[in-house]
Amino acid sequence: MSLRNAAATRQRILEHAQRQFAQHGYTAVTVKGVAEAAGVSPNLITRYFGGKDGLFLAASQVRIPVSNPFHGERCALGARLAASIVQRWFGASEEDPLLVLHRASGERPQAAEALAAFLDANSLEPLHRYLRDSGLDDDEARSRAAAIDAFVLGVSTRRRVLRSELGDPADLQAWLSTTIQCLADG
C-alpha cells in the first residue's frame, strides 16, 4: 500500500469515527462498526490507531479555527458572541470534534479534560481578559465570564448533546444575544 493510499485510508477511518462518536458517544461505537462504515478491516484501525481508545483520541483532536468575537464595544458583545455560536452550531458537520468531545465527556475523562482545556483556552480566558480590559475589575470579569461560559455550555448540552432541536437560527441568535449581554452587563 502506498503512503498516499495509507494516508487516505487513515483519513477515511477518522471521518467515519468522528461521525459515529459525535452521533452515538464513545461507548456505543465499536471498532468493527467504524471499520465496516469505512470499508476496511478492523485490523487497520488497530494498526493505525492502536484500537478504540487511540481512534477516539485521534477523532477528537480539536483543530478548528475559532472566530474572535472579542473585538469591539462591550455593549454589543452578546450580539457578536451569539452570531459566532449560531454560525458554529448550524455550520458544523456531524463530525464536529467539539461535539465528539462534548458527547463523550460524560463517559471518558480524557474527553472531558480535552473539552475543558479547549474551552478554557478559546472561550473562558479570552472572555475574562476581554471583560477585564473593558473596565471590569478582575474578580467581576472572571465571574461574568464564568456565567457566560456556563450558560453557553448548558445551552449547547441541551440543544446539541441531548439532541433537542436547535430551533430557528434567528430566534436562537436573538435569545442568546440578549441573555449573554445581560450576563456581560451584570
Protein backbone atom coordinates (compact mmCIF):
# COMPACT_ATOMS: atom_id res chain seq x y z
CA MET A 1 0.00 0.00 0.00
CA SER A 2 1.42 3.39 -0.95
CA LEU A 3 1.83 6.17 1.60
CA ARG A 4 -0.80 8.24 -0.19
CA ASN A 5 -3.30 5.37 -0.06
CA ALA A 6 -2.45 4.74 3.59
CA ALA A 7 -3.00 8.42 4.42
CA ALA A 8 -6.31 8.45 2.52
CA THR A 9 -7.44 5.26 4.27
CA ARG A 10 -6.47 6.65 7.68
CA GLN A 11 -8.38 9.85 6.93
CA ARG A 12 -11.46 7.91 5.78
CA ILE A 13 -11.40 5.88 9.01
CA LEU A 14 -11.12 9.09 11.05
CA GLU A 15 -14.06 10.71 9.25
CA HIS A 16 -16.29 7.73 9.92
CA ALA A 17 -15.10 7.54 13.52
CA GLN A 18 -15.78 11.24 14.10
CA ARG A 19 -19.28 10.90 12.69
CA GLN A 20 -20.06 7.83 14.81
CA PHE A 21 -18.56 9.24 18.03
CA ALA A 22 -20.47 12.50 17.51
CA GLN A 23 -23.75 10.69 16.89
CA HIS A 24 -23.51 7.88 19.44
CA GLY A 25 -20.84 8.69 22.03
CA TYR A 26 -17.83 6.61 22.95
CA THR A 27 -19.44 3.53 24.48
CA ALA A 28 -21.81 2.69 21.61
CA VAL A 29 -19.14 2.90 18.91
CA THR A 30 -17.23 -0.24 18.01
CA VAL A 31 -14.03 -0.73 16.04
CA LYS A 32 -15.90 -3.21 13.87
CA GLY A 33 -18.66 -0.69 13.15
CA VAL A 34 -16.22 2.05 12.19
CA ALA A 35 -14.25 -0.40 10.04
CA GLU A 36 -17.40 -1.52 8.22
CA ALA A 37 -18.51 2.08 7.60
CA ALA A 38 -15.04 2.97 6.29
CA GLY A 39 -14.85 -0.19 4.17
CA VAL A 40 -11.70 -1.50 5.85
CA SER A 41 -10.62 -4.37 8.03
CA PRO A 42 -10.76 -3.77 11.82
CA ASN A 43 -7.07 -4.75 11.81
CA LEU A 44 -6.27 -1.48 10.02
CA ILE A 45 -7.79 0.50 12.88
CA THR A 46 -5.57 -1.36 15.31
CA ARG A 47 -2.59 -0.82 13.01
CA TYR A 48 -3.17 2.92 12.52
CA PHE A 49 -4.61 3.86 15.91
CA GLY A 50 -3.82 1.06 18.35
CA GLY A 51 -7.51 0.29 18.98
CA LYS A 52 -10.65 2.10 20.04
CA ASP A 53 -9.01 4.44 22.58
CA GLY A 54 -6.42 5.61 20.08
CA LEU A 55 -9.08 6.01 17.40
CA PHE A 56 -11.18 8.12 19.78
CA LEU A 57 -8.23 10.32 20.71
CA ALA A 58 -7.39 10.88 17.04
CA ALA A 59 -11.04 11.54 16.13
CA SER A 60 -11.49 14.05 18.94
CA GLN A 61 -8.48 16.25 18.27
CA VAL A 62 -9.83 19.79 18.21
CA ARG A 63 -8.05 21.72 15.49
CA ILE A 64 -10.71 24.13 14.42
CA PRO A 65 -10.44 27.82 13.76
CA VAL A 66 -12.23 29.81 16.43
CA SER A 67 -13.58 33.19 15.48
CA ASN A 68 -12.68 36.07 17.76
CA PRO A 69 -15.82 37.96 18.76
CA PHE A 70 -13.93 39.89 21.45
CA HIS A 71 -13.14 42.94 19.33
CA GLY A 72 -15.47 45.88 19.76
CA GLU A 73 -17.55 47.54 22.43
CA ARG A 74 -18.89 45.53 25.36
CA CYS A 75 -22.42 46.80 24.66
CA ALA A 76 -22.50 44.58 21.54
CA LEU A 77 -20.68 41.55 22.98
CA GLY A 78 -23.86 39.48 23.24
CA ALA A 79 -24.67 40.02 19.57
CA ARG A 80 -21.14 39.12 18.44
CA LEU A 81 -20.91 36.00 20.61
CA ALA A 82 -24.41 34.84 19.65
CA ALA A 83 -23.64 35.23 15.95
CA SER A 84 -20.43 33.24 16.35
CA ILE A 85 -22.16 30.49 18.36
CA VAL A 86 -25.11 30.11 15.99
CA GLN A 87 -22.79 30.04 12.97
CA ARG A 88 -20.76 27.27 14.65
CA TRP A 89 -23.76 25.20 15.70
CA PHE A 90 -25.55 25.42 12.37
CA GLY A 91 -22.43 25.26 10.22
CA ALA A 92 -20.61 22.41 11.96
CA SER A 93 -20.73 18.99 10.40
CA GLU A 94 -21.80 15.80 12.10
CA GLU A 95 -18.09 15.08 12.62
CA ASP A 96 -17.60 18.27 14.64
CA PRO A 97 -14.73 17.43 17.05
CA LEU A 98 -16.20 19.68 19.74
CA LEU A 99 -19.45 17.73 19.55
CA VAL A 100 -17.47 14.47 19.71
CA LEU A 101 -15.75 15.67 22.89
CA HIS A 102 -18.93 17.10 24.36
CA ARG A 103 -20.92 13.90 23.88
CA ALA A 104 -18.09 11.70 25.15
CA SER A 105 -17.14 13.88 28.13
CA GLY A 106 -19.51 12.03 30.48
CA GLU A 107 -18.00 8.68 29.52
CA ARG A 108 -14.34 9.46 29.05
CA PRO A 109 -12.23 11.56 31.42
CA GLN A 110 -9.82 12.30 28.56
CA ALA A 111 -12.67 13.81 26.55
CA ALA A 112 -13.81 15.95 29.47
CA GLU A 113 -10.24 17.16 30.03
CA ALA A 114 -9.72 17.94 26.34
CA LEU A 115 -13.05 19.79 26.10
CA ALA A 116 -12.34 21.79 29.27
CA ALA A 117 -8.85 22.71 28.05
CA PHE A 118 -10.17 23.82 24.66
CA LEU A 119 -12.98 25.89 26.18
CA ASP A 120 -10.69 27.44 28.80
CA ALA A 121 -8.12 28.46 26.20
CA ASN A 122 -10.51 29.56 23.45
CA SER A 123 -13.54 30.85 25.34
CA LEU A 124 -13.34 31.37 29.09
CA GLU A 125 -9.92 33.00 29.40
CA PRO A 126 -10.23 35.27 26.34
CA LEU A 127 -13.67 36.34 27.56
CA HIS A 128 -12.30 37.02 31.05
CA ARG A 129 -9.49 39.15 29.59
CA TYR A 130 -11.89 41.00 27.30
CA LEU A 131 -14.27 41.85 30.15
CA ARG A 132 -11.38 42.92 32.38
CA ASP A 133 -9.94 45.06 29.61
CA SER A 134 -13.36 46.63 29.03
CA GLY A 135 -13.27 48.15 32.51
CA LEU A 136 -14.42 45.48 34.96
CA ASP A 137 -12.23 44.57 37.91
CA ASP A 138 -10.57 41.17 37.64
CA ASP A 139 -12.92 39.31 40.01
CA GLU A 140 -16.06 40.72 38.37
CA ALA A 141 -14.70 39.96 34.90
CA ARG A 142 -13.88 36.38 35.92
CA SER A 143 -17.33 35.91 37.47
CA ARG A 144 -19.20 37.23 34.43
CA ALA A 145 -17.04 35.21 32.03
CA ALA A 146 -17.76 32.07 34.06
CA ALA A 147 -21.51 32.82 33.97
CA ILE A 148 -21.48 33.28 30.19
CA ASP A 149 -19.38 30.15 29.74
CA ALA A 150 -21.73 28.07 31.93
CA PHE A 151 -24.81 29.43 30.14
CA VAL A 152 -23.46 28.67 26.65
CA LEU A 153 -22.22 25.23 27.69
CA GLY A 154 -25.63 24.46 29.23
CA VAL A 155 -27.49 25.54 26.10
CA SER A 156 -25.04 23.57 23.97
CA THR A 157 -25.55 20.49 26.12
CA ARG A 158 -29.32 20.76 25.97
CA ARG A 159 -29.58 21.52 22.28
CA ARG A 160 -26.65 19.66 20.74
CA VAL A 161 -25.71 16.81 23.06
CA LEU A 162 -29.17 15.86 24.31
CA ARG A 163 -30.37 16.37 20.75
CA SER A 164 -33.15 18.85 21.37
CA GLU A 165 -33.96 20.89 18.31
CA LEU A 166 -31.75 23.90 17.84
CA GLY A 167 -34.79 25.78 16.56
CA ASP A 168 -34.85 28.73 14.21
CA PRO A 169 -31.33 30.19 13.89
CA ALA A 170 -32.54 33.80 14.01
CA ASP A 171 -34.67 33.21 17.12
CA LEU A 172 -31.86 31.30 18.82
CA GLN A 173 -29.36 34.02 17.97
CA ALA A 174 -31.64 36.77 19.33
CA TRP A 175 -32.24 34.89 22.58
CA LEU A 176 -28.56 34.06 23.05
CA SER A 177 -27.60 37.66 22.27
CA THR A 178 -29.96 39.13 24.87
CA THR A 179 -29.05 36.62 27.57
CA ILE A 180 -25.29 36.84 27.02
CA GLN A 181 -25.47 40.63 27.05
CA CYS A 182 -27.36 40.57 30.37
CA LEU A 183 -24.68 38.31 31.84
CA ALA A 184 -21.89 40.53 30.49
CA ASP A 185 -23.52 43.66 31.88
CA GLY A 186 -24.28 42.10 35.25
